[in-house]
PDB file of N, CA and C in Angstrom:
ATOM      1  N   MET A   1     -39.466  45.116 -13.320  1.00  0.00           N
ATOM      2  CA  MET A   1     -38.646  45.801 -14.311  1.00  0.00           C
ATOM      3  C   MET A   1     -38.577  47.275 -13.904  1.00  0.00           C
ATOM      4  N   ASP A   2     -37.370  47.761 -13.665  1.00  0.00           N
ATOM      5  CA  ASP A   2     -37.228  49.160 -13.262  1.00  0.00           C
ATOM      6  C   ASP A   2     -37.361  50.079 -14.487  1.00  0.00           C
ATOM      7  N   PRO A   3     -37.587  51.369 -14.247  1.00  0.00           N
ATOM      8  CA  PRO A   3     -37.814  52.300 -15.374  1.00  0.00           C
ATOM      9  C   PRO A   3     -36.660  52.345 -16.380  1.00  0.00           C
ATOM     10  N   LYS A   4     -35.427  52.240 -15.917  1.00  0.00           N
ATOM     11  CA  LYS A   4     -34.280  52.272 -16.812  1.00  0.00           C
ATOM     12  C   LYS A   4     -34.278  51.047 -17.735  1.00  0.00           C
ATOM     13  N   GLU A   5     -34.526  49.884 -17.154  1.00  0.00           N
ATOM     14  CA  GLU A   5     -34.573  48.656 -17.940  1.00  0.00           C
ATOM     15  C   GLU A   5     -35.767  48.668 -18.899  1.00  0.00           C
ATOM     16  N   LYS A   6     -36.875  49.209 -18.421  1.00  0.00           N
ATOM     17  CA  LYS A   6     -38.069  49.320 -19.262  1.00  0.00           C
ATOM     18  C   LYS A   6     -37.795  50.206 -20.478  1.00  0.00           C
ATOM     19  N   ASP A   7     -37.087  51.294 -20.270  1.00  0.00           N
ATOM     20  CA  ASP A   7     -36.737  52.196 -21.364  1.00  0.00           C
ATOM     21  C   ASP A   7     -35.794  51.514 -22.362  1.00  0.00           C
ATOM     22  N   ARG A   8     -34.793  50.785 -21.858  1.00  0.00           N
ATOM     23  CA  ARG A   8     -33.866  50.053 -22.732  1.00  0.00           C
ATOM     24  C   ARG A   8     -34.609  49.008 -23.557  1.00  0.00           C
ATOM     25  N   TRP A   9     -35.523  48.278 -22.911  1.00  0.00           N
ATOM     26  CA  TRP A   9     -36.256  47.253 -23.635  1.00  0.00           C
ATOM     27  C   TRP A   9     -37.197  47.881 -24.667  1.00  0.00           C
ATOM     28  N   SER A  10     -37.783  48.998 -24.334  1.00  0.00           N
ATOM     29  CA  SER A  10     -38.655  49.694 -25.274  1.00  0.00           C
ATOM     30  C   SER A  10     -37.900  50.045 -26.547  1.00  0.00           C
ATOM     31  N   LYS A  11     -36.667  50.497 -26.400  1.00  0.00           N
ATOM     32  CA  LYS A  11     -35.835  50.828 -27.566  1.00  0.00           C
ATOM     33  C   LYS A  11     -35.433  49.569 -28.339  1.00  0.00           C
ATOM     34  N   ALA A  12     -35.113  48.501 -27.630  1.00  0.00           N
ATOM     35  CA  ALA A  12     -34.724  47.249 -28.285  1.00  0.00           C
ATOM     36  C   ALA A  12     -35.896  46.650 -29.054  1.00  0.00           C
ATOM     37  N   ARG A  13     -37.087  46.716 -28.492  1.00  0.00           N
ATOM     38  CA  ARG A  13     -38.236  46.095 -29.156  1.00  0.00           C
ATOM     39  C   ARG A  13     -38.681  46.887 -30.374  1.00  0.00           C
ATOM     40  N   GLU A  14     -38.344  48.173 -30.431  1.00  0.00           N
ATOM     41  CA  GLU A  14     -38.656  48.972 -31.620  1.00  0.00           C
ATOM     42  C   GLU A  14     -37.904  48.451 -32.847  1.00  0.00           C
ATOM     43  N   LYS A  15     -36.726  47.897 -32.629  1.00  0.00           N
ATOM     44  CA  LYS A  15     -35.917  47.361 -33.735  1.00  0.00           C
ATOM     45  C   LYS A  15     -36.454  46.027 -34.234  1.00  0.00           C
ATOM     46  N   GLY A  16     -37.264  45.370 -33.435  1.00  0.00           N
ATOM     47  CA  GLY A  16     -37.890  44.121 -33.842  1.00  0.00           C
ATOM     48  C   GLY A  16     -37.206  42.879 -33.305  1.00  0.00           C
ATOM     49  N   MET A  17     -37.980  41.809 -33.322  1.00  0.00           N
ATOM     50  CA  MET A  17     -37.503  40.541 -32.788  1.00  0.00           C
ATOM     51  C   MET A  17     -36.359  39.960 -33.612  1.00  0.00           C
ATOM     52  N   LEU A  18     -36.460  40.029 -34.925  1.00  0.00           N
ATOM     53  CA  LEU A  18     -35.411  39.449 -35.769  1.00  0.00           C
ATOM     54  C   LEU A  18     -34.063  40.109 -35.504  1.00  0.00           C
ATOM     55  N   SER A  19     -34.058  41.417 -35.426  1.00  0.00           N
ATOM     56  CA  SER A  19     -32.826  42.143 -35.140  1.00  0.00           C
ATOM     57  C   SER A  19     -32.256  41.740 -33.779  1.00  0.00           C
ATOM     58  N   TYR A  20     -33.128  41.645 -32.783  1.00  0.00           N
ATOM     59  CA  TYR A  20     -32.701  41.273 -31.439  1.00  0.00           C
ATOM     60  C   TYR A  20     -32.113  39.863 -31.425  1.00  0.00           C
ATOM     61  N   VAL A  21     -32.812  38.928 -32.071  1.00  0.00           N
ATOM     62  CA  VAL A  21     -32.356  37.537 -32.087  1.00  0.00           C
ATOM     63  C   VAL A  21     -31.008  37.433 -32.795  1.00  0.00           C
ATOM     64  N   LEU A  22     -30.871  38.120 -33.918  1.00  0.00           N
ATOM     65  CA  LEU A  22     -29.606  38.046 -34.660  1.00  0.00           C
ATOM     66  C   LEU A  22     -28.456  38.676 -33.881  1.00  0.00           C
ATOM     67  N   LEU A  23     -28.679  39.864 -33.320  1.00  0.00           N
ATOM     68  CA  LEU A  23     -27.591  40.547 -32.613  1.00  0.00           C
ATOM     69  C   LEU A  23     -27.291  39.932 -31.251  1.00  0.00           C
ATOM     70  N   THR A  24     -28.316  39.760 -30.437  1.00  0.00           N
ATOM     71  CA  THR A  24     -28.107  39.270 -29.079  1.00  0.00           C
ATOM     72  C   THR A  24     -27.873  37.771 -29.036  1.00  0.00           C
ATOM     73  N   GLY A  25     -28.668  37.045 -29.797  1.00  0.00           N
ATOM     74  CA  GLY A  25     -28.553  35.593 -29.760  1.00  0.00           C
ATOM     75  C   GLY A  25     -27.421  35.044 -30.597  1.00  0.00           C
ATOM     76  N   VAL A  26     -27.460  35.335 -31.895  1.00  0.00           N
ATOM     77  CA  VAL A  26     -26.489  34.722 -32.807  1.00  0.00           C
ATOM     78  C   VAL A  26     -25.114  35.373 -32.689  1.00  0.00           C
ATOM     79  N   VAL A  27     -25.039  36.692 -32.770  1.00  0.00           N
ATOM     80  CA  VAL A  27     -23.744  37.378 -32.767  1.00  0.00           C
ATOM     81  C   VAL A  27     -23.125  37.440 -31.371  1.00  0.00           C
ATOM     82  N   ALA A  28     -23.906  37.831 -30.364  1.00  0.00           N
ATOM     83  CA  ALA A  28     -23.335  38.026 -29.027  1.00  0.00           C
ATOM     84  C   ALA A  28     -23.221  36.737 -28.216  1.00  0.00           C
ATOM     85  N   TYR A  29     -24.001  35.706 -28.548  1.00  0.00           N
ATOM     86  CA  TYR A  29     -23.921  34.449 -27.801  1.00  0.00           C
ATOM     87  C   TYR A  29     -23.413  33.296 -28.670  1.00  0.00           C
ATOM     88  N   GLY A  30     -24.077  33.052 -29.778  1.00  0.00           N
ATOM     89  CA  GLY A  30     -23.738  31.895 -30.607  1.00  0.00           C
ATOM     90  C   GLY A  30     -22.345  31.940 -31.197  1.00  0.00           C
ATOM     91  N   LEU A  31     -21.956  33.078 -31.732  1.00  0.00           N
ATOM     92  CA  LEU A  31     -20.639  33.204 -32.359  1.00  0.00           C
ATOM     93  C   LEU A  31     -19.491  33.035 -31.354  1.00  0.00           C
ATOM     94  N   PRO A  32     -19.510  33.725 -30.210  1.00  0.00           N
ATOM     95  CA  PRO A  32     -18.430  33.489 -29.237  1.00  0.00           C
ATOM     96  C   PRO A  32     -18.391  32.043 -28.724  1.00  0.00           C
ATOM     97  N   MET A  33     -19.574  31.451 -28.510  1.00  0.00           N
ATOM     98  CA  MET A  33     -19.605  30.062 -28.051  1.00  0.00           C
ATOM     99  C   MET A  33     -19.036  29.122 -29.116  1.00  0.00           C
ATOM    100  N   PHE A  34     -19.331  29.399 -30.372  1.00  0.00           N
ATOM    101  CA  PHE A  34     -18.772  28.603 -31.464  1.00  0.00           C
ATOM    102  C   PHE A  34     -17.250  28.672 -31.452  1.00  0.00           C
ATOM    103  N   VAL A  35     -16.712  29.873 -31.347  1.00  0.00           N
ATOM    104  CA  VAL A  35     -15.251  30.045 -31.356  1.00  0.00           C
ATOM    105  C   VAL A  35     -14.615  29.333 -30.164  1.00  0.00           C
ATOM    106  N   VAL A  36     -15.152  29.561 -28.985  1.00  0.00           N
ATOM    107  CA  VAL A  36     -14.581  28.954 -27.781  1.00  0.00           C
ATOM    108  C   VAL A  36     -14.691  27.436 -27.821  1.00  0.00           C
ATOM    109  N   MET A  37     -15.882  26.942 -28.104  1.00  0.00           N
ATOM    110  CA  MET A  37     -16.093  25.493 -28.041  1.00  0.00           C
ATOM    111  C   MET A  37     -15.469  24.744 -29.219  1.00  0.00           C
ATOM    112  N   THR A  38     -15.244  25.424 -30.321  1.00  0.00           N
ATOM    113  CA  THR A  38     -14.655  24.751 -31.483  1.00  0.00           C
ATOM    114  C   THR A  38     -13.136  24.802 -31.463  1.00  0.00           C
ATOM    115  N   PHE A  39     -12.587  25.936 -31.111  1.00  0.00           N
ATOM    116  CA  PHE A  39     -11.142  26.105 -31.226  1.00  0.00           C
ATOM    117  C   PHE A  39     -10.392  25.973 -29.901  1.00  0.00           C
ATOM    118  N   LEU A  40     -11.056  26.211 -28.780  1.00  0.00           N
ATOM    119  CA  LEU A  40     -10.388  26.035 -27.491  1.00  0.00           C
ATOM    120  C   LEU A  40     -10.673  24.668 -26.877  1.00  0.00           C
ATOM    121  N   PHE A  41     -11.893  24.180 -27.073  1.00  0.00           N
ATOM    122  CA  PHE A  41     -12.288  22.868 -26.556  1.00  0.00           C
ATOM    123  C   PHE A  41     -12.750  22.005 -27.725  1.00  0.00           C
ATOM    124  N   HIS A  42     -11.852  21.698 -28.606  1.00  0.00           N
ATOM    125  CA  HIS A  42     -12.190  20.991 -29.839  1.00  0.00           C
ATOM    126  C   HIS A  42     -12.745  19.593 -29.566  1.00  0.00           C
ATOM    127  N   HIS A  43     -13.862  19.290 -30.220  1.00  0.00           N
ATOM    128  CA  HIS A  43     -14.475  17.970 -30.147  1.00  0.00           C
ATOM    129  C   HIS A  43     -14.300  17.304 -31.509  1.00  0.00           C
ATOM    130  N   SER A  44     -13.628  16.186 -31.532  1.00  0.00           N
ATOM    131  CA  SER A  44     -13.342  15.537 -32.810  1.00  0.00           C
ATOM    132  C   SER A  44     -14.587  14.937 -33.464  1.00  0.00           C
ATOM    133  N   ARG A  45     -15.682  14.830 -32.742  1.00  0.00           N
ATOM    134  CA  ARG A  45     -16.904  14.257 -33.305  1.00  0.00           C
ATOM    135  C   ARG A  45     -17.606  15.208 -34.260  1.00  0.00           C
ATOM    136  N   LEU A  46     -17.413  16.499 -34.081  1.00  0.00           N
ATOM    137  CA  LEU A  46     -18.090  17.489 -34.914  1.00  0.00           C
ATOM    138  C   LEU A  46     -17.099  18.193 -35.832  1.00  0.00           C
ATOM    139  N   SER A  47     -17.512  18.378 -37.067  1.00  0.00           N
ATOM    140  CA  SER A  47     -16.694  19.181 -37.969  1.00  0.00           C
ATOM    141  C   SER A  47     -16.900  20.656 -37.603  1.00  0.00           C
ATOM    142  N   ILE A  48     -16.104  21.523 -38.171  1.00  0.00           N
ATOM    143  CA  ILE A  48     -16.255  22.956 -37.910  1.00  0.00           C
ATOM    144  C   ILE A  48     -17.623  23.434 -38.382  1.00  0.00           C
ATOM    145  N   ALA A  49     -18.070  22.952 -39.540  1.00  0.00           N
ATOM    146  CA  ALA A  49     -19.387  23.354 -40.058  1.00  0.00           C
ATOM    147  C   ALA A  49     -20.511  22.874 -39.140  1.00  0.00           C
ATOM    148  N   GLN A  50     -20.403  21.666 -38.640  1.00  0.00           N
ATOM    149  CA  GLN A  50     -21.421  21.155 -37.720  1.00  0.00           C
ATOM    150  C   GLN A  50     -21.428  21.939 -36.415  1.00  0.00           C
ATOM    151  N   SER A  51     -20.250  22.247 -35.914  1.00  0.00           N
ATOM    152  CA  SER A  51     -20.146  23.031 -34.693  1.00  0.00           C
ATOM    153  C   SER A  51     -20.748  24.421 -34.894  1.00  0.00           C
ATOM    154  N   ALA A  52     -20.490  25.026 -36.047  1.00  0.00           N
ATOM    155  CA  ALA A  52     -21.063  26.335 -36.352  1.00  0.00           C
ATOM    156  C   ALA A  52     -22.587  26.250 -36.379  1.00  0.00           C
ATOM    157  N   ALA A  53     -23.113  25.221 -37.013  1.00  0.00           N
ATOM    158  CA  ALA A  53     -24.566  25.056 -37.081  1.00  0.00           C
ATOM    159  C   ALA A  53     -25.172  24.883 -35.694  1.00  0.00           C
ATOM    160  N   VAL A  54     -24.523  24.086 -34.862  1.00  0.00           N
ATOM    161  CA  VAL A  54     -25.024  23.851 -33.509  1.00  0.00           C
ATOM    162  C   VAL A  54     -25.032  25.144 -32.701  1.00  0.00           C
ATOM    163  N   TRP A  55     -23.895  25.848 -32.671  1.00  0.00           N
ATOM    164  CA  TRP A  55     -23.786  27.011 -31.804  1.00  0.00           C
ATOM    165  C   TRP A  55     -24.553  28.223 -32.324  1.00  0.00           C
ATOM    166  N   LEU A  56     -24.640  28.396 -33.626  1.00  0.00           N
ATOM    167  CA  LEU A  56     -25.429  29.515 -34.150  1.00  0.00           C
ATOM    168  C   LEU A  56     -26.920  29.252 -33.953  1.00  0.00           C
ATOM    169  N   SER A  57     -27.326  27.988 -34.069  1.00  0.00           N
ATOM    170  CA  SER A  57     -28.721  27.635 -33.774  1.00  0.00           C
ATOM    171  C   SER A  57     -29.027  27.829 -32.292  1.00  0.00           C
ATOM    172  N   ALA A  58     -28.089  27.431 -31.444  1.00  0.00           N
ATOM    173  CA  ALA A  58     -28.265  27.637 -30.001  1.00  0.00           C
ATOM    174  C   ALA A  58     -28.357  29.129 -29.687  1.00  0.00           C
ATOM    175  N   GLY A  59     -27.573  29.932 -30.371  1.00  0.00           N
ATOM    176  CA  GLY A  59     -27.635  31.373 -30.176  1.00  0.00           C
ATOM    177  C   GLY A  59     -28.981  31.937 -30.594  1.00  0.00           C
ATOM    178  N   ALA A  60     -29.519  31.447 -31.706  1.00  0.00           N
ATOM    179  CA  ALA A  60     -30.833  31.899 -32.157  1.00  0.00           C
ATOM    180  C   ALA A  60     -31.906  31.506 -31.139  1.00  0.00           C
ATOM    181  N   LEU A  61     -31.820  30.293 -30.629  1.00  0.00           N
ATOM    182  CA  LEU A  61     -32.767  29.851 -29.609  1.00  0.00           C
ATOM    183  C   LEU A  61     -32.644  30.713 -28.351  1.00  0.00           C
ATOM    184  N   TYR A  62     -31.417  30.988 -27.943  1.00  0.00           N
ATOM    185  CA  TYR A  62     -31.183  31.859 -26.791  1.00  0.00           C
ATOM    186  C   TYR A  62     -31.816  33.231 -27.023  1.00  0.00           C
ATOM    187  N   GLY A  63     -31.645  33.772 -28.219  1.00  0.00           N
ATOM    188  CA  GLY A  63     -32.221  35.070 -28.540  1.00  0.00           C
ATOM    189  C   GLY A  63     -33.734  35.072 -28.485  1.00  0.00           C
ATOM    190  N   VAL A  64     -34.357  34.021 -29.005  1.00  0.00           N
ATOM    191  CA  VAL A  64     -35.825  33.929 -28.983  1.00  0.00           C
ATOM    192  C   VAL A  64     -36.323  33.820 -27.541  1.00  0.00           C
ATOM    193  N   VAL A  65     -35.690  32.976 -26.758  1.00  0.00           N
ATOM    194  CA  VAL A  65     -36.121  32.794 -25.368  1.00  0.00           C
ATOM    195  C   VAL A  65     -35.954  34.088 -24.571  1.00  0.00           C
ATOM    196  N   THR A  66     -34.819  34.753 -24.707  1.00  0.00           N
ATOM    197  CA  THR A  66     -34.634  36.002 -23.956  1.00  0.00           C
ATOM    198  C   THR A  66     -35.594  37.082 -24.441  1.00  0.00           C
ATOM    199  N   TRP A  67     -35.905  37.112 -25.745  1.00  0.00           N
ATOM    200  CA  TRP A  67     -36.906  38.056 -26.263  1.00  0.00           C
ATOM    201  C   TRP A  67     -38.253  37.805 -25.577  1.00  0.00           C
ATOM    202  N   LEU A  68     -38.677  36.560 -25.554  1.00  0.00           N
ATOM    203  CA  LEU A  68     -39.976  36.230 -24.969  1.00  0.00           C
ATOM    204  C   LEU A  68     -40.036  36.556 -23.478  1.00  0.00           C
ATOM    205  N   VAL A  69     -38.977  36.268 -22.760  1.00  0.00           N
ATOM    206  CA  VAL A  69     -38.937  36.579 -21.327  1.00  0.00           C
ATOM    207  C   VAL A  69     -38.987  38.090 -21.115  1.00  0.00           C
ATOM    208  N   GLN A  70     -38.174  38.836 -21.835  1.00  0.00           N
ATOM    209  CA  GLN A  70     -38.163  40.295 -21.685  1.00  0.00           C
ATOM    210  C   GLN A  70     -39.498  40.909 -22.099  1.00  0.00           C
ATOM    211  N   GLU A  71     -40.087  40.385 -23.157  1.00  0.00           N
ATOM    212  CA  GLU A  71     -41.375  40.899 -23.618  1.00  0.00           C
ATOM    213  C   GLU A  71     -42.452  40.657 -22.560  1.00  0.00           C
ATOM    214  N   HIS A  72     -42.429  39.490 -21.948  1.00  0.00           N
ATOM    215  CA  HIS A  72     -43.373  39.185 -20.871  1.00  0.00           C
ATOM    216  C   HIS A  72     -43.184  40.153 -19.697  1.00  0.00           C
ATOM    217  N   ARG A  73     -41.935  40.359 -19.310  1.00  0.00           N
ATOM    218  CA  ARG A  73     -41.653  41.270 -18.200  1.00  0.00           C
ATOM    219  C   ARG A  73     -42.066  42.705 -18.536  1.00  0.00           C
ATOM    220  N   TYR A  74     -41.828  43.122 -19.775  1.00  0.00           N
ATOM    221  CA  TYR A  74     -42.181  44.476 -20.216  1.00  0.00           C
ATOM    222  C   TYR A  74     -43.698  44.671 -20.193  1.00  0.00           C
ATOM    223  N   ARG A  75     -44.417  43.701 -20.734  1.00  0.00           N
ATOM    224  CA  ARG A  75     -45.882  43.818 -20.761  1.00  0.00           C
ATOM    225  C   ARG A  75     -46.459  43.811 -19.359  1.00  0.00           C
ATOM    226  N   LYS A  76     -45.891  43.005 -18.485  1.00  0.00           N
ATOM    227  CA  LYS A  76     -46.357  42.980 -17.106  1.00  0.00           C
ATOM    228  C   LYS A  76     -46.084  44.318 -16.431  1.00  0.00           C
ATOM    229  N   ALA A  77     -44.904  44.874 -16.633  1.00  0.00           N
ATOM    230  CA  ALA A  77     -44.568  46.166 -16.030  1.00  0.00           C
ATOM    231  C   ALA A  77     -45.463  47.281 -16.592  1.00  0.00           C
ATOM    232  N   THR A  78     -45.736  47.229 -17.878  1.00  0.00           N
ATOM    233  CA  THR A  78     -46.600  48.231 -18.493  1.00  0.00           C
ATOM    234  C   THR A  78     -48.031  48.098 -17.966  1.00  0.00           C
ATOM    235  N   ARG A  79     -48.503  46.860 -17.857  1.00  0.00           N
ATOM    236  CA  ARG A  79     -49.855  46.615 -17.337  1.00  0.00           C
ATOM    237  C   ARG A  79     -49.984  47.058 -15.878  1.00  0.00           C
ATOM    238  N   ASP A  80     -48.965  46.752 -15.061  1.00  0.00           N
ATOM    239  CA  ASP A  80     -49.000  47.127 -13.644  1.00  0.00           C
ATOM    240  C   ASP A  80     -49.007  48.638 -13.459  1.00  0.00           C
ATOM    241  N   ASN A  81     -48.342  49.369 -14.347  1.00  0.00           N
ATOM    242  CA  ASN A  81     -48.299  50.829 -14.232  1.00  0.00           C
ATOM    243  C   ASN A  81     -49.607  51.490 -14.622  1.00  0.00           C
ATOM    244  N   GLN A  82     -50.462  50.785 -15.362  1.00  0.00           N
ATOM    245  CA  GLN A  82     -51.726  51.355 -15.811  1.00  0.00           C
ATOM    246  C   GLN A  82     -52.818  51.214 -14.771  1.00  0.00           C
ATOM    247  N   ILE A  83     -52.609  50.371 -13.770  1.00  0.00           N
ATOM    248  CA  ILE A  83     -53.632  50.143 -12.755  1.00  0.00           C
ATOM    249  C   ILE A  83     -53.656  51.283 -11.761  1.00  0.00           C
TER     250      ILE A  83
END
């Protein structure tokens, strides 16, 4: 993790995990995927509400996973700099 990325992550983590998951996962990933996959590539098996539930949940999962990966990288970079 380079110093610029470390600084960006430090600012993001100050806002908390919930904020990160909602903004990065649900809003920036889940919502666009819902719109694209529901209205551009419509699947007749899922209703709009079901599609929204699937993609917003997927966005939340994406947000949690990326939070955990970034947090691991940040802690490793912080630990390596202290040695």
